[in-house]
Amino acid sequence: MTLRDRITSVLLLAMLAACSGGDSHTDTALPEPQDLCVDTGCGRLETLLRIPDAENLLFSDDGRLFVSGGENVYEVARAESGLIATPLSASGCNFTGLAIRAETLYAACFDGQLYAAPLTAVAQLAAITPLGIAAPNGMAVGPDDALYIINGPVATTALPDPKILRVALAPGSPLQATDVSVWLEGGMLAPNGLQADGDQFYFSESGLPDIARVRRLTWTAEGPGPIETVASFIGVPDDFSLLPSADGPYLLVPDFGLGGLRLFAPNGDTQAALPPLTLRFPSQARRGQPPLFSSDEILITEKGVLGDTVSPIGNRLSVFRRAPVTD
C-alpha cells in the first residue's frame, strides 16, 4: 500500500466518523459489562480481516484501532471497499504488547526492542530502546506514566525469566527512553498479559498445569505490593482486557488453549462465556469502540497455531456481535 493510499484511508475514517449513516458507530451510552453478549445463544462470530499471527489489539481515545501480530503492527481503518489493515513497521517483527501514552503508540517485539510512533495521520513504528529481555509481551501505562512490560511466558532464544520491566520516558519526549529497570521479579510463574486500572496492575499467568489465572497487585512509589489471584479457570491464558464498572473492573479473558472466552465479574465469578472451540487460539478480546465498532461488540484476535502465519486456522481479527432479533 502506498503512502497516498494510507493517507486516503485515514481521511476516509475521519469522514465516516463524522457521518451518522453507513457503518460508523456513534454510541452515546456505554453498556454495563454484565450486559455484553458473551454467549453463542445471543451472538455470532464474524471474521473481519486477515492478520497474520494476530496477537493484541488496542483502541486510542478517539477510536483508532491497532492490532499487533507475528509479522507487523497494523492500523485497522475503513475504506470504500471495507475494513483494511495497514502495516506500521517497514521492517516487520514479531510484535506483542501495545500501549498508548502522550499521543504515541508503543509496541513490544520479540527482537527485544521497544518500538514507538507518534499518532500522526500515518504512524510509522521505529525501535527506540533495547529492553534486555527475550520475551517482551503484555504492556501497560503505569500511574507514574512509565511503561510496564511483561517478560514471558516463554521465548525461543532463552529460558523462562518471568519479570515486569519499567521503562521511563523523557518528559516531553515520548520517543526517548531514559531508563529500563526491573520493577517486579519473583512471584510469577509464566506471565503473559498486563493491564492497568488506576494504581492496580492485573496480569495473566499459567499456574499449575492447565490452571490459568488473572492476578492483581498495587503500584506504589516504593515498589510493587503483594500479589493476589482475582480469577482462575482450567485452560491456557493469553492477554485480556478490563471493563470498568462501579464495582470494579470486569475481566474479558480468552482461553488460548481451548478456544473459549470468559467474562469475569470483579469478584472473580464467571459472568458469561463462549464455550471451548468457538475461537481459534484467541489471544485477546476487547469491547468495541466507535466510530469503527459499537461498544456492545467484542473484538477478538484469533492467533491460530503458534508460528503459523498462513493457514486459515486463526490469523485473523474477528468480532462477536449480538445477533439480530427475529420474530
Protein backbone atom coordinates (compact mmCIF):
# COMPACT_ATOMS: atom_id res chain seq x y z
CA MET A 1 0.00 0.00 0.00
CA THR A 2 1.39 3.40 -0.97
CA LEU A 3 1.68 6.39 1.33
CA ARG A 4 -1.10 8.06 -0.67
CA ASP A 5 -3.38 5.05 -0.06
CA ARG A 6 -2.61 5.11 3.68
CA ILE A 7 -3.43 8.81 3.99
CA THR A 8 -6.60 8.30 1.96
CA SER A 9 -7.75 5.52 4.30
CA VAL A 10 -7.21 7.69 7.39
CA LEU A 11 -9.14 10.57 5.80
CA LEU A 12 -11.97 8.21 4.91
CA LEU A 13 -12.10 7.03 8.51
CA ALA A 14 -12.38 10.60 9.75
CA MET A 15 -15.16 11.31 7.24
CA LEU A 16 -17.08 8.20 8.29
CA ALA A 17 -16.73 9.11 11.95
CA ALA A 18 -18.42 12.43 11.24
CA CYS A 19 -21.36 10.80 9.47
CA SER A 20 -24.43 9.28 11.07
CA GLY A 21 -25.04 6.67 8.37
CA GLY A 22 -23.06 3.86 6.83
CA ASP A 23 -21.11 1.50 9.06
CA SER A 24 -19.83 4.07 11.54
CA HIS A 25 -21.00 3.92 15.16
CA THR A 26 -21.80 6.84 17.45
CA ASP A 27 -22.72 5.19 20.75
CA THR A 28 -23.80 7.67 23.41
CA ALA A 29 -24.17 5.25 26.34
CA LEU A 30 -21.60 2.63 27.30
CA PRO A 31 -23.29 -0.70 28.09
CA GLU A 32 -22.63 -2.18 31.51
CA PRO A 33 -20.10 -5.05 31.25
CA GLN A 34 -22.64 -7.60 32.51
CA ASP A 35 -24.94 -6.65 29.62
CA LEU A 36 -22.43 -7.65 26.93
CA CYS A 37 -23.37 -10.67 24.83
CA VAL A 38 -20.74 -13.31 25.61
CA ASP A 39 -22.83 -16.34 24.68
CA THR A 40 -23.44 -18.20 21.44
CA GLY A 41 -27.14 -18.11 22.27
CA CYS A 42 -27.31 -14.34 21.77
CA GLY A 43 -24.43 -13.57 19.41
CA ARG A 44 -22.41 -14.72 16.45
CA LEU A 45 -18.76 -14.66 15.43
CA GLU A 46 -17.69 -12.92 12.23
CA THR A 47 -14.27 -12.70 10.58
CA LEU A 48 -13.21 -9.13 9.80
CA LEU A 49 -9.64 -9.19 8.47
CA ARG A 50 -6.67 -11.44 7.94
CA ILE A 51 -3.96 -10.53 10.49
CA PRO A 52 -1.03 -13.00 10.42
CA ASP A 53 -0.39 -14.43 13.90
CA ALA A 54 -2.81 -11.88 15.40
CA GLU A 55 -1.82 -11.02 18.97
CA ASN A 56 -3.03 -7.87 20.79
CA LEU A 57 -5.43 -5.05 19.98
CA LEU A 58 -5.83 -1.55 21.37
CA PHE A 59 -8.09 1.44 20.73
CA SER A 60 -6.91 5.02 21.03
CA ASP A 61 -9.14 7.50 22.84
CA ASP A 62 -10.52 8.71 19.51
CA GLY A 63 -11.31 5.18 18.30
CA ARG A 64 -8.35 4.30 16.10
CA LEU A 65 -7.71 0.54 16.25
CA PHE A 66 -4.23 -1.02 16.32
CA VAL A 67 -3.55 -4.77 16.12
CA SER A 68 -0.21 -6.49 16.67
CA GLY A 69 0.82 -9.77 15.10
CA GLY A 70 3.72 -12.04 14.31
CA GLU A 71 4.73 -10.02 11.26
CA ASN A 72 3.77 -6.40 11.99
CA VAL A 73 1.52 -3.93 13.81
CA TYR A 74 -1.49 -2.79 11.79
CA GLU A 75 -3.90 0.09 11.93
CA VAL A 76 -7.40 -1.02 11.05
CA ALA A 77 -9.43 1.61 9.21
CA ARG A 78 -12.47 1.77 6.97
CA ALA A 79 -12.05 2.46 3.27
CA GLU A 80 -14.57 2.47 0.43
CA SER A 81 -14.02 -1.27 -0.01
CA GLY A 82 -14.49 -2.05 3.70
CA LEU A 83 -12.04 -2.57 6.54
CA ILE A 84 -8.33 -2.51 5.70
CA ALA A 85 -5.22 -3.26 7.78
CA THR A 86 -2.21 -1.02 7.15
CA PRO A 87 1.21 -2.25 8.40
CA LEU A 88 3.05 0.31 10.53
CA SER A 89 6.58 -1.14 10.57
CA ALA A 90 8.75 -1.04 7.46
CA SER A 91 10.95 -3.93 8.61
CA GLY A 92 8.35 -6.14 10.32
CA CYS A 93 8.76 -8.03 13.60
CA ASN A 94 7.01 -10.48 15.93
CA PHE A 95 5.06 -7.79 17.79
CA THR A 96 3.13 -8.42 21.01
CA GLY A 97 2.05 -5.87 23.65
CA LEU A 98 0.69 -2.43 22.77
CA ALA A 99 0.24 0.78 24.76
CA ILE A 100 -0.61 4.42 24.08
CA ARG A 101 0.57 7.44 26.06
CA ALA A 102 1.30 11.06 25.15
CA GLU A 103 -0.22 10.62 21.68
CA THR A 104 2.34 7.89 20.97
CA LEU A 105 1.85 4.22 20.11
CA TYR A 106 4.28 1.75 21.73
CA ALA A 107 4.79 -1.86 20.67
CA ALA A 108 6.91 -4.62 22.18
CA CYS A 109 8.64 -7.12 19.93
CA PHE A 110 10.37 -10.46 20.38
CA ASP A 111 13.56 -8.99 18.93
CA GLY A 112 13.96 -7.47 22.42
CA GLN A 113 13.26 -3.89 21.34
CA LEU A 114 10.61 -1.35 22.25
CA TYR A 115 9.10 0.38 19.22
CA ALA A 116 7.19 3.65 19.11
CA ALA A 117 5.45 6.01 16.69
CA PRO A 118 3.70 9.37 17.09
CA LEU A 119 0.00 9.04 16.38
CA THR A 120 0.13 11.29 13.34
CA ALA A 121 -2.10 10.61 10.33
CA VAL A 122 0.11 7.66 9.34
CA ALA A 123 2.07 6.13 12.25
CA GLN A 124 5.48 4.63 11.41
CA LEU A 125 6.98 2.41 14.13
CA ALA A 126 10.70 2.52 14.85
CA ALA A 127 12.82 0.93 17.60
CA ILE A 128 13.62 3.36 20.42
CA THR A 129 15.41 1.22 23.04
CA PRO A 130 16.59 -2.33 23.73
CA LEU A 131 14.78 -3.97 26.64
CA GLY A 132 17.32 -6.64 27.57
CA ILE A 133 14.71 -9.43 27.69
CA ALA A 134 13.87 -12.22 25.24
CA ALA A 135 10.06 -12.31 25.51
CA PRO A 136 8.62 -8.78 25.87
CA ASN A 137 4.88 -9.25 25.90
CA GLY A 138 1.98 -7.57 27.73
CA MET A 139 2.39 -3.82 28.24
CA ALA A 140 0.56 -1.11 30.17
CA VAL A 141 1.00 2.50 31.24
CA GLY A 142 1.53 2.88 34.99
CA PRO A 143 0.31 5.61 37.38
CA ASP A 144 3.74 7.24 37.07
CA ASP A 145 3.34 7.49 33.27
CA ALA A 146 6.08 4.91 32.70
CA LEU A 147 5.62 1.79 30.59
CA TYR A 148 5.50 -1.61 32.28
CA ILE A 149 6.28 -4.69 30.19
CA ILE A 150 5.93 -8.41 30.98
CA ASN A 151 8.75 -10.80 30.10
CA GLY A 152 7.05 -14.09 29.37
CA PRO A 153 5.76 -16.64 29.22
CA VAL A 154 8.44 -18.28 27.03
CA ALA A 155 11.00 -17.32 24.41
CA THR A 156 12.65 -19.27 21.62
CA THR A 157 16.10 -17.89 22.45
CA ALA A 158 16.25 -18.02 26.27
CA LEU A 159 15.00 -19.85 29.33
CA PRO A 160 11.85 -18.51 31.06
CA ASP A 161 12.65 -15.41 33.12
CA PRO A 162 9.37 -14.03 34.49
CA LYS A 163 9.55 -10.36 35.43
CA ILE A 164 7.99 -6.96 34.80
CA LEU A 165 10.16 -4.15 33.43
CA ARG A 166 9.67 -0.44 33.98
CA VAL A 167 10.58 1.86 31.08
CA ALA A 168 10.85 5.55 31.98
CA LEU A 169 10.40 8.08 29.19
CA ALA A 170 11.75 11.61 28.97
CA PRO A 171 9.21 14.33 29.88
CA GLY A 172 8.04 15.93 26.67
CA SER A 173 10.00 13.42 24.56
CA PRO A 174 7.88 10.27 24.25
CA LEU A 175 10.33 8.65 21.83
CA GLN A 176 13.24 8.85 24.28
CA ALA A 177 13.60 6.14 26.94
CA THR A 178 15.65 7.32 29.91
CA ASP A 179 15.78 4.14 31.99
CA VAL A 180 14.92 0.44 31.71
CA SER A 181 14.81 -1.41 35.02
CA VAL A 182 13.28 -4.49 36.64
CA TRP A 183 10.18 -3.49 38.62
CA LEU A 184 8.99 -6.96 39.71
CA GLU A 185 10.92 -10.21 39.75
CA GLY A 186 9.56 -13.27 41.51
CA GLY A 187 6.09 -14.35 42.48
CA MET A 188 5.11 -15.12 38.89
CA LEU A 189 5.27 -18.42 37.01
CA ALA A 190 4.53 -17.81 33.33
CA PRO A 191 3.13 -14.27 32.98
CA ASN A 192 1.65 -13.06 29.71
CA GLY A 193 -0.82 -10.16 29.55
CA LEU A 194 -0.71 -6.92 31.55
CA GLN A 195 -3.40 -4.26 32.13
CA ALA A 196 -3.66 -1.28 34.46
CA ASP A 197 -6.59 0.26 36.34
CA GLY A 198 -5.57 3.27 38.40
CA ASP A 199 -2.88 2.07 40.80
CA GLN A 200 -3.77 -1.58 40.21
CA PHE A 201 -1.91 -3.85 37.80
CA TYR A 202 -3.55 -7.04 36.53
CA PHE A 203 -1.59 -9.79 34.78
CA SER A 204 -2.40 -13.22 33.39
CA GLU A 205 -0.27 -16.27 34.01
CA SER A 206 -0.19 -20.03 33.83
CA GLY A 207 -0.03 -21.63 37.26
CA LEU A 208 -0.07 -25.33 37.89
CA PRO A 209 -0.59 -27.47 34.78
CA ASP A 210 -3.68 -26.26 32.90
CA ILE A 211 -4.54 -23.60 35.51
CA ALA A 212 -4.96 -20.08 34.13
CA ARG A 213 -5.05 -17.12 36.49
CA VAL A 214 -5.54 -13.37 36.43
CA ARG A 215 -3.71 -11.77 39.34
CA ARG A 216 -3.56 -8.27 40.78
CA LEU A 217 -1.05 -6.12 42.63
CA THR A 218 -0.88 -2.50 43.70
CA TRP A 219 1.59 0.02 42.31
CA THR A 220 3.27 2.20 44.93
CA ALA A 221 6.11 4.70 44.71
CA GLU A 222 8.16 2.28 46.84
CA GLY A 223 7.55 -0.68 44.53
CA PRO A 224 5.01 -3.45 43.88
CA GLY A 225 2.58 -4.57 46.55
CA PRO A 226 1.50 -8.15 47.34
CA ILE A 227 0.10 -10.33 44.55
CA GLU A 228 -3.41 -11.80 44.84
CA THR A 229 -5.41 -14.02 42.49
CA VAL A 230 -8.59 -12.43 41.12
CA ALA A 231 -9.90 -15.16 38.80
CA SER A 232 -8.86 -18.62 37.64
CA PHE A 233 -10.01 -21.31 35.23
CA ILE A 234 -8.88 -24.52 33.57
CA GLY A 235 -7.14 -23.51 30.37
CA VAL A 236 -4.24 -21.55 28.90
CA PRO A 237 -4.33 -17.74 29.28
CA ASP A 238 -3.01 -15.06 26.98
CA ASP A 239 -3.73 -11.34 27.19
CA PHE A 240 -7.08 -9.94 28.34
CA SER A 241 -8.87 -6.63 28.89
CA LEU A 242 -10.57 -4.72 31.69
CA LEU A 243 -14.14 -3.38 31.56
CA PRO A 244 -14.70 -0.58 34.12
CA SER A 245 -17.75 -0.65 36.36
CA ALA A 246 -18.86 0.96 39.62
CA ASP A 247 -17.99 -2.28 41.42
CA GLY A 248 -14.52 -2.58 39.91
CA PRO A 249 -13.28 -3.88 36.57
CA TYR A 250 -14.78 -6.90 34.88
CA LEU A 251 -12.29 -9.16 33.10
CA LEU A 252 -12.66 -10.29 29.48
CA VAL A 253 -10.30 -13.27 29.27
CA PRO A 254 -9.69 -15.56 26.27
CA ASP A 255 -8.72 -19.19 26.72
CA PHE A 256 -5.93 -19.61 24.20
CA GLY A 257 -5.64 -23.34 24.68
CA LEU A 258 -9.31 -24.37 24.49
CA GLY A 259 -10.67 -21.61 22.26
CA GLY A 260 -13.16 -20.03 24.65
CA LEU A 261 -13.79 -16.59 26.15
CA ARG A 262 -14.89 -15.72 29.70
CA LEU A 263 -16.34 -12.60 31.24
CA PHE A 264 -15.45 -12.48 34.95
CA ALA A 265 -17.18 -10.23 37.46
CA PRO A 266 -14.98 -8.10 39.76
CA ASN A 267 -15.25 -10.77 42.47
CA GLY A 268 -13.85 -13.43 40.14
CA ASP A 269 -17.14 -15.21 39.39
CA THR A 270 -17.80 -16.20 35.78
CA GLN A 271 -20.50 -13.88 34.41
CA ALA A 272 -20.76 -15.33 30.89
CA ALA A 273 -18.67 -17.39 28.48
CA LEU A 274 -18.17 -18.60 24.93
CA PRO A 275 -17.66 -22.37 25.01
CA PRO A 276 -14.44 -24.17 24.04
CA LEU A 277 -13.66 -24.40 20.31
CA THR A 278 -15.70 -21.28 19.49
CA LEU A 279 -12.44 -19.47 18.67
CA ARG A 280 -9.15 -20.49 17.07
CA PHE A 281 -6.47 -19.93 19.71
CA PRO A 282 -7.63 -16.45 20.80
CA SER A 283 -5.03 -14.06 22.15
CA GLN A 284 -7.01 -11.00 23.30
CA ALA A 285 -10.54 -9.60 23.33
CA ARG A 286 -11.72 -6.02 23.78
CA ARG A 287 -15.03 -4.23 23.74
CA GLY A 288 -15.59 -2.28 20.52
CA GLN A 289 -15.27 1.48 20.32
CA PRO A 290 -16.83 3.99 17.90
CA PRO A 291 -16.53 5.05 15.18
CA LEU A 292 -15.37 1.69 13.78
CA PHE A 293 -17.36 -0.55 16.11
CA SER A 294 -20.23 -0.44 18.54
CA SER A 295 -19.44 -0.68 22.25
CA ASP A 296 -21.68 -3.74 22.55
CA GLU A 297 -19.42 -5.69 20.17
CA ILE A 298 -16.33 -7.68 21.16
CA LEU A 299 -13.18 -7.58 19.01
CA ILE A 300 -11.05 -10.74 19.19
CA THR A 301 -7.61 -11.60 17.86
CA GLU A 302 -7.57 -15.26 16.83
CA LYS A 303 -3.88 -16.06 16.71
CA GLY A 304 -4.04 -19.63 15.46
CA VAL A 305 -1.25 -22.18 15.68
CA LEU A 306 1.97 -20.70 17.05
CA GLY A 307 4.44 -19.99 14.27
CA ASP A 308 1.86 -20.45 11.51
CA THR A 309 1.07 -17.20 9.69
CA VAL A 310 -0.58 -18.53 6.53
CA SER A 311 -3.24 -21.13 7.35
CA PRO A 312 -6.96 -20.38 7.82
CA ILE A 313 -6.69 -21.55 11.45
CA GLY A 314 -6.69 -18.21 13.23
CA ASN A 315 -4.51 -15.49 11.69
CA ARG A 316 -7.45 -13.09 11.84
CA LEU A 317 -9.27 -10.30 13.59
CA SER A 318 -12.85 -11.25 14.43
CA VAL A 319 -15.88 -9.65 16.03
CA PHE A 320 -18.51 -11.24 18.25
CA ARG A 321 -21.70 -9.26 17.94
CA ARG A 322 -25.25 -9.64 19.13
CA ALA A 323 -27.41 -11.47 16.59
CA PRO A 324 -30.43 -9.63 15.18
CA VAL A 325 -33.67 -10.36 16.98
CA THR A 326 -36.10 -12.24 14.75
CA ASP A 327 -39.82 -12.73 15.25
